[in-house]
């Protein structure tokens, strides 16, 4: 009897040590995932005092954030289709970074890094809840591989196609969690995060609609379950709060939501969408940054290579294995189905939209390919893990994640995005405005020349940002639309400030 008790005590101690060791590995692999993001965040915090202004959409983001804080921005960033993205969540998130010192563009980059960190933290939480300990570690290691190969620098991009990507990934994970018997909190989380994704970039809407259908089916199945009423009430209230400003605009403003629903011309996109899709899915956690990087969204990627086709076939094969394991791995199966459906429907809608196809249009759903690979790898590893030593898979997952996480962390580029998207002419024009700020009239109506080789709206935007720090500004024409409703001048006003080319001039008439 004494010998039996002693054996039981020894077995309990061994299991306790194994559990402690497993907990250490799980925490270690999570820390490794966020290590490059912490390095990236610190790098952006060191740039807060840089008061240079970049061109293009980055200045539009700055103007929209200011307008949001004034209560003038009820919708999102502008779209080339002539409407704005559905909601102001991008500006709301950037507004939170206004508590930081420096008053520089790096605030937006800090906010962008925070978006991805927050979304990935919730993805980690969801994986821990829905996967076994071993599968969790494999999934996080695969997620680290995605972060490394995607290029960590892209996660500081405040451009809304990038920030929407992580919201879209999380929306899929939450929808899948609820659809596979997750608690009512998963439903609330999906509505909140799905709303964030759609407001940030309308390119996530097809995915969120598909996921919503799955979620509604699950709500109907649980209609008589305990907690339904309080959960639905809580979710409805939060959803209405998140959509309050766009709904106010729909009723009393410009009706942007109606324009989003009806304002896109249908036709057939010019350019090869399907090559990009093969790269998107086939490369999965790979060098997608080469094809979606902010510095080259308009450059043709060329023909698909044999290796890329083989990787696409491998991704499909992994998904087939997930389908076969759908009964023992329902969460992985649902994540995979939603990811494939989201990519497919998004691609079809992009292909049937008139106008040129740009690869960045698929950025909002780029993270879905990572989910396809992650779930495929998890199912495969779980299928063969029983034949390997118990500690082998966790040790390998931790080692691979540690290596790739460190590589991602040391790969953070020290170049500030302002340096990449600004130039000496922009800096000179902005500094001239700042130096003559007190001489400007109380109200400016800005006209941007856009004919011939004169100044383009993209380069004029930083000057408008600088002017807004000095006085009240409205802008005419296409530049006014891009700047946002808080800055868009009426059609019948007379301009009293001009931004022109021919040596880069920004002046008010004598």
Protein backbone atom coordinates (compact mmCIF):
# COMPACT_ATOMS: atom_id res chain seq x y z
CA UNK A 1 0.00 0.00 0.00
CA UNK A 2 2.79 2.39 0.92
CA UNK A 3 4.59 1.57 -2.36
CA UNK A 4 1.41 2.31 -4.34
CA UNK A 5 0.96 5.69 -2.64
CA UNK A 6 4.60 6.52 -3.31
CA UNK A 7 4.17 5.66 -7.00
CA UNK A 8 1.05 7.83 -7.19
CA UNK A 9 2.93 10.73 -5.61
CA UNK A 10 5.80 10.34 -8.06
CA UNK A 11 3.42 10.21 -11.05
CA UNK A 12 1.67 13.35 -9.81
CA UNK A 13 4.99 15.18 -9.46
CA UNK A 14 6.03 14.14 -12.96
CA UNK A 15 2.72 15.36 -14.43
CA UNK A 16 3.00 18.60 -12.49
CA UNK A 17 6.50 19.23 -13.86
CA UNK A 18 5.30 18.37 -17.37
CA UNK A 19 2.42 20.81 -17.02
CA UNK A 20 4.74 23.52 -15.73
CA UNK A 21 7.13 22.89 -18.63
CA UNK A 22 4.27 23.02 -21.10
CA UNK A 23 3.05 26.30 -19.62
CA UNK A 24 6.55 27.78 -19.92
CA UNK A 25 6.74 26.74 -23.58
CA UNK A 26 3.31 28.18 -24.35
CA UNK A 27 4.17 31.52 -22.77
CA UNK A 28 7.54 31.52 -24.50
CA UNK A 29 6.04 31.01 -27.93
CA UNK A 30 3.50 33.78 -27.36
CA UNK A 31 6.29 36.14 -26.27
CA UNK A 32 8.21 35.23 -29.41
CA UNK A 33 5.17 36.12 -31.55
CA UNK A 34 4.95 39.61 -30.08
CA UNK A 35 8.71 40.26 -29.85
CA UNK A 36 9.03 41.78 -33.36
CA UNK A 37 5.92 43.91 -32.74
CA UNK A 38 7.40 45.26 -29.51
CA UNK A 39 10.62 46.13 -31.35
CA UNK A 40 8.58 47.77 -34.11
CA UNK A 41 6.51 49.71 -31.58
CA UNK A 42 9.60 50.99 -29.80
CA UNK A 43 11.08 52.03 -33.14
CA UNK A 44 7.96 54.04 -33.95
CA UNK A 45 7.92 55.67 -30.52
CA UNK A 46 11.42 56.99 -31.14
CA UNK A 47 10.10 58.79 -34.23
CA UNK A 48 7.35 60.78 -32.49
CA UNK A 49 9.27 64.05 -32.73
CA UNK A 50 9.64 63.82 -36.52
CA UNK A 51 7.33 66.58 -37.74
CA UNK A 52 7.81 65.94 -41.45
CA UNK A 53 4.64 65.17 -43.39
CA UNK A 54 4.34 62.41 -45.99
CA UNK A 55 2.32 62.60 -49.16
CA UNK A 56 -0.80 60.93 -50.39
CA UNK A 57 -3.13 58.84 -48.26
CA UNK A 58 -1.01 59.40 -45.17
CA UNK A 59 -1.83 63.09 -45.12
CA UNK A 60 -5.47 62.21 -45.81
CA UNK A 61 -5.35 60.01 -42.70
CA UNK A 62 -4.00 62.92 -40.66
CA UNK A 63 -6.72 65.28 -41.91
CA UNK A 64 -9.41 62.69 -41.28
CA UNK A 65 -8.19 62.16 -37.73
CA UNK A 66 -8.34 65.89 -37.02
CA UNK A 67 -11.82 66.10 -38.55
CA UNK A 68 -12.96 63.13 -36.45
CA UNK A 69 -11.79 64.84 -33.26
CA UNK A 70 -13.81 67.90 -34.33
CA UNK A 71 -16.91 65.80 -34.92
CA UNK A 72 -16.82 66.36 -38.69
CA UNK A 73 -15.76 62.89 -39.91
CA UNK A 74 -18.57 60.33 -39.70
CA UNK A 75 -17.27 57.99 -42.40
CA UNK A 76 -13.96 56.39 -43.39
CA UNK A 77 -11.12 57.01 -45.81
CA UNK A 78 -11.90 57.94 -49.39
CA UNK A 79 -12.15 55.32 -52.13
CA UNK A 80 -11.17 55.62 -55.77
CA UNK A 81 -14.77 54.58 -56.53
CA UNK A 82 -16.05 57.99 -55.40
CA UNK A 83 -17.36 57.05 -51.95
CA UNK A 84 -15.72 56.64 -48.59
CA UNK A 85 -15.19 53.47 -46.63
CA UNK A 86 -18.15 52.77 -44.35
CA UNK A 87 -17.01 54.06 -40.96
CA UNK A 88 -14.48 56.18 -39.06
CA UNK A 89 -12.88 53.45 -36.97
CA UNK A 90 -9.50 54.12 -38.61
CA UNK A 91 -9.62 57.74 -37.47
CA UNK A 92 -10.99 56.79 -34.05
CA UNK A 93 -8.08 54.40 -33.50
CA UNK A 94 -5.52 56.99 -34.62
CA UNK A 95 -7.17 59.54 -32.35
CA UNK A 96 -6.23 57.40 -29.35
CA UNK A 97 -2.57 57.94 -30.22
CA UNK A 98 -3.03 61.70 -29.85
CA UNK A 99 -2.18 61.29 -26.16
CA UNK A 100 1.43 60.69 -27.25
CA UNK A 101 3.88 63.61 -27.34
CA UNK A 102 5.50 64.94 -30.47
CA UNK A 103 2.52 65.73 -32.68
CA UNK A 104 4.09 63.87 -35.58
CA UNK A 105 3.07 61.33 -38.19
CA UNK A 106 4.58 58.46 -36.18
CA UNK A 107 1.46 58.58 -34.00
CA UNK A 108 -0.44 56.93 -36.83
CA UNK A 109 2.22 54.26 -37.15
CA UNK A 110 2.07 53.56 -33.41
CA UNK A 111 -1.70 53.20 -33.76
CA UNK A 112 -1.24 50.81 -36.72
CA UNK A 113 1.16 48.58 -34.78
CA UNK A 114 -1.28 48.62 -31.86
CA UNK A 115 -4.10 47.48 -34.17
CA UNK A 116 -2.18 44.38 -35.22
CA UNK A 117 -0.97 43.64 -31.69
CA UNK A 118 -4.51 43.88 -30.29
CA UNK A 119 -6.00 41.74 -33.05
CA UNK A 120 -3.29 39.09 -32.83
CA UNK A 121 -3.59 39.00 -29.04
CA UNK A 122 -7.26 38.10 -29.44
CA UNK A 123 -6.40 35.52 -32.10
CA UNK A 124 -3.96 33.95 -29.62
CA UNK A 125 -6.70 33.91 -26.98
CA UNK A 126 -9.11 32.25 -29.42
CA UNK A 127 -6.56 29.61 -30.44
CA UNK A 128 -5.90 28.81 -26.79
CA UNK A 129 -9.61 28.34 -26.16
CA UNK A 130 -10.37 26.22 -29.23
CA UNK A 131 -7.20 24.17 -29.80
CA UNK A 132 -5.35 21.58 -27.78
CA UNK A 133 -2.10 22.64 -26.11
CA UNK A 134 0.02 21.04 -28.81
CA UNK A 135 -2.14 22.41 -31.64
CA UNK A 136 -2.01 25.85 -30.03
CA UNK A 137 1.77 25.87 -30.08
CA UNK A 138 1.88 24.70 -33.69
CA UNK A 139 -0.64 27.40 -34.68
CA UNK A 140 1.36 30.17 -32.99
CA UNK A 141 4.59 28.96 -34.60
CA UNK A 142 2.91 29.09 -38.01
CA UNK A 143 1.61 32.58 -37.19
CA UNK A 144 5.15 33.69 -36.35
CA UNK A 145 6.27 32.34 -39.74
CA UNK A 146 3.57 34.42 -41.42
CA UNK A 147 4.67 37.58 -39.61
CA UNK A 148 8.30 36.97 -40.55
CA UNK A 149 7.71 36.28 -44.22
CA UNK A 150 5.05 38.92 -44.71
CA UNK A 151 7.65 41.52 -43.64
CA UNK A 152 7.28 43.01 -40.18
CA UNK A 153 7.67 46.56 -41.50
CA UNK A 154 4.28 46.35 -43.21
CA UNK A 155 2.60 46.07 -39.83
CA UNK A 156 3.42 49.72 -39.10
CA UNK A 157 1.57 50.85 -42.23
CA UNK A 158 -1.44 52.99 -41.22
CA UNK A 159 -2.89 52.56 -44.73
CA UNK A 160 -6.36 51.09 -44.20
CA UNK A 161 -5.97 47.98 -46.44
CA UNK A 162 -3.17 46.87 -44.10
CA UNK A 163 -4.92 47.59 -40.81
CA UNK A 164 -8.09 45.87 -42.07
CA UNK A 165 -6.14 42.65 -42.62
CA UNK A 166 -5.76 41.78 -38.93
CA UNK A 167 -9.37 42.71 -38.14
CA UNK A 168 -10.46 40.34 -40.94
CA UNK A 169 -8.34 37.48 -39.60
CA UNK A 170 -9.77 37.94 -36.12
CA UNK A 171 -13.35 38.16 -37.44
CA UNK A 172 -12.96 34.76 -39.10
CA UNK A 173 -11.51 33.20 -35.95
CA UNK A 174 -14.30 34.59 -33.75
CA UNK A 175 -17.04 33.53 -36.16
CA UNK A 176 -15.56 30.02 -36.34
CA UNK A 177 -15.28 29.87 -32.57
CA UNK A 178 -18.94 30.78 -32.08
CA UNK A 179 -20.08 28.41 -34.83
CA UNK A 180 -18.30 25.52 -33.09
CA UNK A 181 -20.05 25.87 -29.73
CA UNK A 182 -18.14 28.84 -28.38
CA UNK A 183 -19.90 30.98 -25.76
CA UNK A 184 -22.07 34.00 -26.46
CA UNK A 185 -19.04 36.27 -25.94
CA UNK A 186 -17.71 34.98 -29.26
CA UNK A 187 -20.84 36.36 -30.97
CA UNK A 188 -20.37 39.77 -29.40
CA UNK A 189 -16.70 39.76 -30.33
CA UNK A 190 -17.49 38.86 -33.93
CA UNK A 191 -20.01 41.70 -34.31
CA UNK A 192 -17.58 44.24 -32.86
CA UNK A 193 -14.51 43.07 -34.78
CA UNK A 194 -16.45 42.43 -38.00
CA UNK A 195 -17.74 46.00 -37.78
CA UNK A 196 -14.20 47.28 -37.27
CA UNK A 197 -13.05 45.37 -40.36
CA UNK A 198 -15.83 46.63 -42.63
CA UNK A 199 -15.53 50.21 -41.43
CA UNK A 200 -11.79 50.16 -42.00
CA UNK A 201 -12.00 48.77 -45.55
CA UNK A 202 -15.09 47.73 -47.49
CA UNK A 203 -13.02 44.95 -49.09
CA UNK A 204 -13.65 42.91 -45.94
CA UNK A 205 -17.44 43.18 -46.31
CA UNK A 206 -17.91 40.02 -48.45
CA UNK A 207 -16.03 37.98 -45.87
CA UNK A 208 -17.98 39.47 -42.95
CA UNK A 209 -21.29 38.87 -44.73
CA UNK A 210 -20.43 35.19 -45.28
CA UNK A 211 -19.30 34.80 -41.68
CA UNK A 212 -22.49 36.54 -40.51
CA UNK A 213 -24.61 33.93 -42.27
CA UNK A 214 -22.77 31.16 -40.41
CA UNK A 215 -23.14 33.04 -37.14
CA UNK A 216 -26.88 33.64 -37.69
CA UNK A 217 -27.39 29.97 -38.37
CA UNK A 218 -25.72 29.17 -35.05
CA UNK A 219 -27.84 31.77 -33.24
CA UNK A 220 -30.97 30.11 -34.64
CA UNK A 221 -29.74 26.69 -33.47
CA UNK A 222 -29.24 28.05 -29.94
CA UNK A 223 -32.43 30.09 -29.86
CA UNK A 224 -33.67 28.40 -26.69
CA UNK A 225 -30.33 28.33 -24.88
CA UNK A 226 -29.72 30.20 -21.64
CA UNK A 227 -28.19 33.65 -21.93
CA UNK A 228 -29.52 34.28 -25.44
CA UNK A 229 -31.54 37.39 -24.62
CA UNK A 230 -28.85 39.20 -22.65
CA UNK A 231 -26.20 38.26 -25.23
CA UNK A 232 -28.28 39.48 -28.16
CA UNK A 233 -29.18 42.69 -26.32
CA UNK A 234 -25.56 43.39 -25.44
CA UNK A 235 -24.41 42.61 -28.98
CA UNK A 236 -27.12 44.78 -30.57
CA UNK A 237 -26.30 47.76 -28.37
CA UNK A 238 -22.58 47.52 -29.11
CA UNK A 239 -23.23 47.10 -32.84
CA UNK A 240 -25.48 50.17 -32.93
CA UNK A 241 -22.91 52.23 -31.02
CA UNK A 242 -20.16 51.27 -33.44
CA UNK A 243 -22.36 52.10 -36.45
CA UNK A 244 -23.97 55.21 -34.94
CA UNK A 245 -21.87 57.78 -36.81
CA UNK A 246 -22.23 56.15 -40.27
CA UNK A 247 -25.99 55.85 -39.66
CA UNK A 248 -26.18 59.54 -38.72
CA UNK A 249 -24.37 60.34 -41.97
CA UNK A 250 -26.81 58.12 -43.86
CA UNK A 251 -29.84 59.96 -42.46
CA UNK A 252 -28.60 63.52 -42.06
CA UNK A 253 -25.32 63.72 -43.96
CA UNK A 254 -24.02 62.65 -47.34
CA UNK A 255 -25.60 59.17 -47.31
CA UNK A 256 -22.26 57.45 -47.74
CA UNK A 257 -23.53 53.96 -46.86
CA UNK A 258 -26.02 54.21 -49.73
CA UNK A 259 -23.21 55.28 -52.06
CA UNK A 260 -21.09 52.31 -50.95
CA UNK A 261 -23.95 49.94 -51.75
CA UNK A 262 -24.80 51.44 -55.14
CA UNK A 263 -21.87 53.53 -56.32
CA UNK A 264 -19.44 50.96 -57.74
CA UNK A 265 -19.60 50.37 -61.49
CA UNK A 266 -19.83 46.72 -62.46
CA UNK A 267 -17.90 45.38 -65.40
CA UNK A 268 -14.74 43.34 -65.82
CA UNK A 269 -11.51 44.38 -64.17
CA UNK A 270 -8.49 44.91 -66.35
CA UNK A 271 -5.37 43.14 -65.16
CA UNK A 272 -4.70 39.61 -63.98
CA UNK A 273 -6.48 38.98 -60.68
CA UNK A 274 -5.93 35.23 -60.65
CA UNK A 275 -2.13 35.31 -60.70
CA UNK A 276 -2.28 37.38 -57.57
CA UNK A 277 -4.73 34.96 -55.98
CA UNK A 278 -2.43 32.01 -56.66
CA UNK A 279 0.40 33.90 -55.02
CA UNK A 280 -1.83 34.94 -52.14
CA UNK A 281 -2.94 31.38 -51.36
CA UNK A 282 0.06 29.48 -52.66
CA UNK A 283 2.68 31.42 -50.77
CA UNK A 284 0.54 31.55 -47.64
CA UNK A 285 2.91 32.45 -44.83
CA UNK A 286 5.56 33.63 -47.26
CA UNK A 287 6.96 36.74 -48.87
CA UNK A 288 3.60 38.32 -49.68
CA UNK A 289 5.13 41.69 -48.87
CA UNK A 290 6.90 41.51 -52.24
CA UNK A 291 3.54 41.55 -53.98
CA UNK A 292 1.55 43.81 -51.70
CA UNK A 293 4.21 46.18 -50.39
CA UNK A 294 3.17 49.84 -50.18
CA UNK A 295 6.03 50.89 -52.43
CA UNK A 296 4.90 48.74 -55.37
CA UNK A 297 1.15 48.06 -55.46
CA UNK A 298 0.92 49.08 -59.12
CA UNK A 299 3.86 47.12 -60.53
CA UNK A 300 3.01 43.97 -62.45
CA UNK A 301 4.16 40.89 -60.58
CA UNK A 302 4.73 38.84 -63.73
CA UNK A 303 3.81 35.26 -64.52
CA UNK A 304 3.30 32.72 -61.77
CA UNK A 305 6.27 30.38 -61.36
CA UNK A 306 6.27 26.61 -60.92
CA UNK A 307 7.18 26.87 -57.25
CA UNK A 308 4.25 29.20 -56.60
CA UNK A 309 1.85 26.81 -58.33
CA UNK A 310 3.19 23.92 -56.28
CA UNK A 311 2.71 25.92 -53.09
CA UNK A 312 -0.87 26.68 -54.13
CA UNK A 313 -1.47 22.95 -54.72
CA UNK A 314 0.04 22.22 -51.30
CA UNK A 315 -2.31 24.75 -49.66
CA UNK A 316 -5.28 23.09 -51.37
CA UNK A 317 -4.03 19.67 -50.23
CA UNK A 318 -3.75 20.85 -46.64
CA UNK A 319 -7.30 22.17 -46.80
CA UNK A 320 -8.49 18.83 -48.17
CA UNK A 321 -6.94 17.15 -45.13
CA UNK A 322 -8.74 19.64 -42.89
CA UNK A 323 -12.01 18.71 -44.62
CA UNK A 324 -11.35 15.03 -43.95
CA UNK A 325 -10.73 15.82 -40.28
CA UNK A 326 -13.78 18.10 -39.99
CA UNK A 327 -15.49 15.94 -37.33
CA UNK A 328 -12.52 15.79 -34.95
CA UNK A 329 -11.31 19.33 -35.75
CA UNK A 330 -14.47 21.41 -36.30
CA UNK A 331 -12.84 24.73 -35.39
CA UNK A 332 -10.00 24.26 -37.89
CA UNK A 333 -12.52 23.18 -40.50
CA UNK A 334 -14.74 26.24 -39.97
CA UNK A 335 -11.77 28.66 -40.05
CA UNK A 336 -10.60 27.06 -43.31
CA UNK A 337 -14.04 27.17 -44.93
CA UNK A 338 -14.61 30.81 -44.02
CA UNK A 339 -11.12 31.77 -45.20
CA UNK A 340 -11.53 30.11 -48.58
CA UNK A 341 -15.03 31.52 -49.00
CA UNK A 342 -13.89 35.02 -48.06
CA UNK A 343 -11.03 34.99 -50.55
CA UNK A 344 -13.15 33.48 -53.34
CA UNK A 345 -16.07 35.89 -53.04
CA UNK A 346 -13.75 38.89 -52.67
CA UNK A 347 -11.84 37.90 -55.80
CA UNK A 348 -15.03 37.43 -57.83
CA UNK A 349 -16.33 40.84 -56.79
CA UNK A 350 -13.01 42.49 -57.61
CA UNK A 351 -12.87 40.73 -60.97
CA UNK A 352 -16.37 41.98 -61.81
CA UNK A 353 -15.63 45.59 -60.90
CA UNK A 354 -14.85 47.85 -63.84
CA UNK A 355 -11.49 49.57 -63.87
CA UNK A 356 -7.93 48.38 -63.28
CA UNK A 357 -7.09 45.71 -60.73
CA UNK A 358 -4.46 46.69 -58.19
CA UNK A 359 -2.94 44.03 -55.97
CA UNK A 360 -3.44 46.04 -52.80
CA UNK A 361 -7.19 45.48 -53.20
CA UNK A 362 -6.63 41.95 -51.87
CA UNK A 363 -4.64 43.13 -48.86
CA UNK A 364 -7.66 43.17 -46.52
CA UNK A 365 -8.09 39.41 -47.01
CA UNK A 366 -4.39 38.55 -47.32
CA UNK A 367 -4.32 37.22 -43.77
CA UNK A 368 -6.92 34.60 -44.64
CA UNK A 369 -4.29 32.66 -46.55
CA UNK A 370 -2.27 32.53 -43.33
CA UNK A 371 -5.28 31.02 -41.56
CA UNK A 372 -5.63 28.42 -44.34
CA UNK A 373 -2.02 27.35 -43.85
CA UNK A 374 -2.15 27.51 -40.05
CA UNK A 375 -5.21 25.27 -39.78
CA UNK A 376 -3.82 22.87 -42.38
CA UNK A 377 -0.51 22.52 -40.58
CA UNK A 378 -2.27 22.07 -37.23
CA UNK A 379 -4.44 19.21 -38.53
CA UNK A 380 -1.51 17.47 -40.22
CA UNK A 381 0.72 17.72 -37.15
CA UNK A 382 -2.05 16.44 -34.88
CA UNK A 383 -2.52 13.49 -37.23
CA UNK A 384 1.10 12.37 -36.97
CA UNK A 385 2.04 13.63 -33.50
CA UNK A 386 0.97 10.42 -31.78
CA UNK A 387 3.87 8.63 -33.47
CA UNK A 388 6.46 11.10 -32.18
CA UNK A 389 7.85 11.59 -28.66
CA UNK A 390 5.49 13.67 -26.54
CA UNK A 391 7.80 16.66 -26.17
CA UNK A 392 9.08 16.70 -29.76
CA UNK A 393 6.34 18.78 -31.39
CA UNK A 394 6.20 21.51 -28.68
CA UNK A 395 10.00 21.72 -28.69
CA UNK A 396 10.17 22.00 -32.48
CA UNK A 397 7.34 24.57 -32.59
CA UNK A 398 9.05 26.69 -29.95
CA UNK A 399 12.44 26.45 -31.65
CA UNK A 400 11.08 27.39 -35.08
CA UNK A 401 9.06 30.26 -33.63
CA UNK A 402 12.06 31.53 -31.66
CA UNK A 403 14.29 31.54 -34.74
CA UNK A 404 11.76 33.26 -37.01
CA UNK A 405 10.63 35.67 -34.31
CA UNK A 406 14.18 36.85 -33.70
CA UNK A 407 14.78 37.17 -37.46
CA UNK A 408 11.64 39.28 -37.75
CA UNK A 409 12.66 41.44 -34.79
CA UNK A 410 16.16 42.16 -36.12
CA UNK A 411 14.67 42.81 -39.57
CA UNK A 412 12.79 45.94 -38.50
CA UNK A 413 13.74 48.72 -40.89
CA UNK A 414 15.10 51.84 -39.21
CA UNK A 415 13.85 54.08 -42.03
CA UNK A 416 10.83 56.12 -41.05
CA UNK A 417 7.85 55.93 -43.42
CA UNK A 418 7.83 59.72 -43.66
CA UNK A 419 11.29 59.54 -45.17
CA UNK A 420 10.04 57.02 -47.71
CA UNK A 421 6.94 58.99 -48.73
CA UNK A 422 8.17 62.55 -48.44
CA UNK A 423 10.75 64.63 -50.27
CA UNK A 424 12.64 67.90 -50.06
CA UNK A 425 10.05 69.87 -52.07
CA UNK A 426 7.25 68.81 -49.75
CA UNK A 427 9.33 69.66 -46.68
CA UNK A 428 10.20 73.09 -48.09
CA UNK A 429 6.58 73.94 -48.91
CA UNK A 430 5.37 72.77 -45.51
CA UNK A 431 8.07 74.77 -43.70
CA UNK A 432 7.14 77.90 -45.65
CA UNK A 433 3.54 77.53 -44.52
CA UNK A 434 4.62 77.07 -40.91
CA UNK A 435 6.88 80.12 -41.02
CA UNK A 436 4.11 82.33 -42.44
CA UNK A 437 1.28 80.88 -40.41
CA UNK A 438 0.30 84.19 -38.73
CA UNK A 439 -0.05 85.94 -42.10
CA UNK A 440 -2.75 83.62 -43.42
CA UNK A 441 -6.40 84.76 -43.49
CA UNK A 442 -8.89 83.27 -41.06
CA UNK A 443 -10.53 81.12 -43.73
CA UNK A 444 -8.79 79.54 -46.69
CA UNK A 445 -10.36 77.98 -49.77
CA UNK A 446 -7.59 76.02 -51.46
CA UNK A 447 -7.38 75.27 -55.16
CA UNK A 448 -4.92 72.59 -56.25
CA UNK A 449 -3.75 72.71 -59.85
CA UNK A 450 -3.87 69.30 -61.51
CA UNK A 451 -3.22 70.06 -65.18
CA UNK A 452 -0.16 69.28 -67.25
CA UNK A 453 2.96 68.76 -65.18
CA UNK A 454 1.78 70.98 -62.34
CA UNK A 455 1.39 69.81 -58.78
CA UNK A 456 -0.63 66.65 -58.09
CA UNK A 457 -3.13 66.27 -55.25
CA UNK A 458 -0.91 63.66 -53.61
CA UNK A 459 1.97 66.09 -53.11
CA UNK A 460 -0.36 68.94 -52.19
CA UNK A 461 -1.89 67.09 -49.25
CA UNK A 462 0.96 67.76 -46.76
CA UNK A 463 0.66 71.48 -47.50
CA UNK A 464 -3.05 71.28 -46.68
CA UNK A 465 -2.19 69.53 -43.41
CA UNK A 466 0.24 72.34 -42.57
CA UNK A 467 -2.37 74.98 -43.47
CA UNK A 468 -4.93 73.31 -41.20
CA UNK A 469 -2.63 73.85 -38.24
CA UNK A 470 -2.74 77.57 -38.98
CA UNK A 471 -6.30 78.40 -39.97
CA UNK A 472 -9.66 77.09 -41.16
CA UNK A 473 -9.23 75.25 -44.46
CA UNK A 474 -11.55 73.91 -47.13
CA UNK A 475 -10.36 72.41 -50.40
CA UNK A 476 -11.89 72.37 -53.85
CA UNK A 477 -12.17 69.55 -56.39
CA UNK A 478 -10.86 66.02 -56.13
CA UNK A 479 -8.38 67.02 -53.43
CA UNK A 480 -11.25 68.18 -51.25
CA UNK A 481 -12.97 64.82 -51.62
CA UNK A 482 -9.77 63.01 -50.68
CA UNK A 483 -9.15 65.29 -47.71
CA UNK A 484 -12.58 64.37 -46.34
CA UNK A 485 -16.02 65.89 -45.73
CA UNK A 486 -14.69 68.19 -43.03
CA UNK A 487 -12.44 69.86 -45.61
CA UNK A 488 -14.50 69.64 -48.80
CA UNK A 489 -15.43 73.10 -50.11
CA UNK A 490 -18.77 73.93 -51.70
CA UNK A 491 -18.84 73.97 -55.47
CA UNK A 492 -19.68 77.67 -55.74
CA UNK A 493 -16.96 79.12 -53.52
CA UNK A 494 -14.06 81.21 -54.83
CA UNK A 495 -10.55 79.99 -53.94
CA UNK A 496 -8.18 82.37 -52.15
CA UNK A 497 -5.16 80.07 -51.87
CA UNK A 498 -3.45 78.15 -54.65
CA UNK A 499 -1.07 75.20 -54.69
CA UNK A 500 0.65 74.89 -58.04
CA UNK A 501 3.57 73.27 -59.78
CA UNK A 502 6.17 75.09 -61.81
CA UNK A 503 8.70 75.18 -59.01
CA UNK A 504 6.31 74.15 -56.26
CA UNK A 505 4.44 77.18 -55.07
CA UNK A 506 1.76 77.57 -52.47
CA UNK A 507 0.46 81.10 -52.20
CA UNK A 508 -2.44 83.43 -51.55
CA UNK A 509 -3.10 86.13 -54.16
CA UNK A 510 -2.07 89.67 -53.29
